[in-house]
Amino acid sequence: QVQLVESGGGLVQAGGSLRLSCAASARTFSVYAMGWFRQAPGKEREFVAAISSSGGRTNYADSVKGRFTISRDNAKNTGYLQMNSLKPDDTAVYYCAVARPDWRGSYYVPRAEGEYAYWGQGTQVTVSS
């Protein structure tokens, strides 16, 4: 069982920045690929970004590419999502998640929700225009 706790959400003006953090309980955090998803009011949850277990590979949704950066510090069991040039459309609850260990190891950077086994409770990000 892996427990995840997100933090860093809040209210920001359009064009501003926020950094989300995801603290994991597992000492074996480094074996899990990690991802960020978001859910806006009235919409389905969508993929935002993912990072391999080692941090060497990343994957982004087209809507955030070039503005958001996913990273991780395995020594601290923590993942991050740096969000720059925020837009009102980025308003959502942001969730971090970790995937089940996969034979692809450091090449595994999943985008699908079904590949993630553990989820945080979410943190609200609101971008005002």
Foldseek 3Di string as FASTA:
>chain_A
DKAKAKDWADEEAAQAKIKMKIAIPDLVQLQWKKFKWWDDPPGDIFGAKIAASNRPDMDGDPVQPPFWDKGDDSVRRMIMIIGGRDDQVVWTWMKMFIFDRDPVHRVDTDGDPVRTDDMYPTDTHGYHD
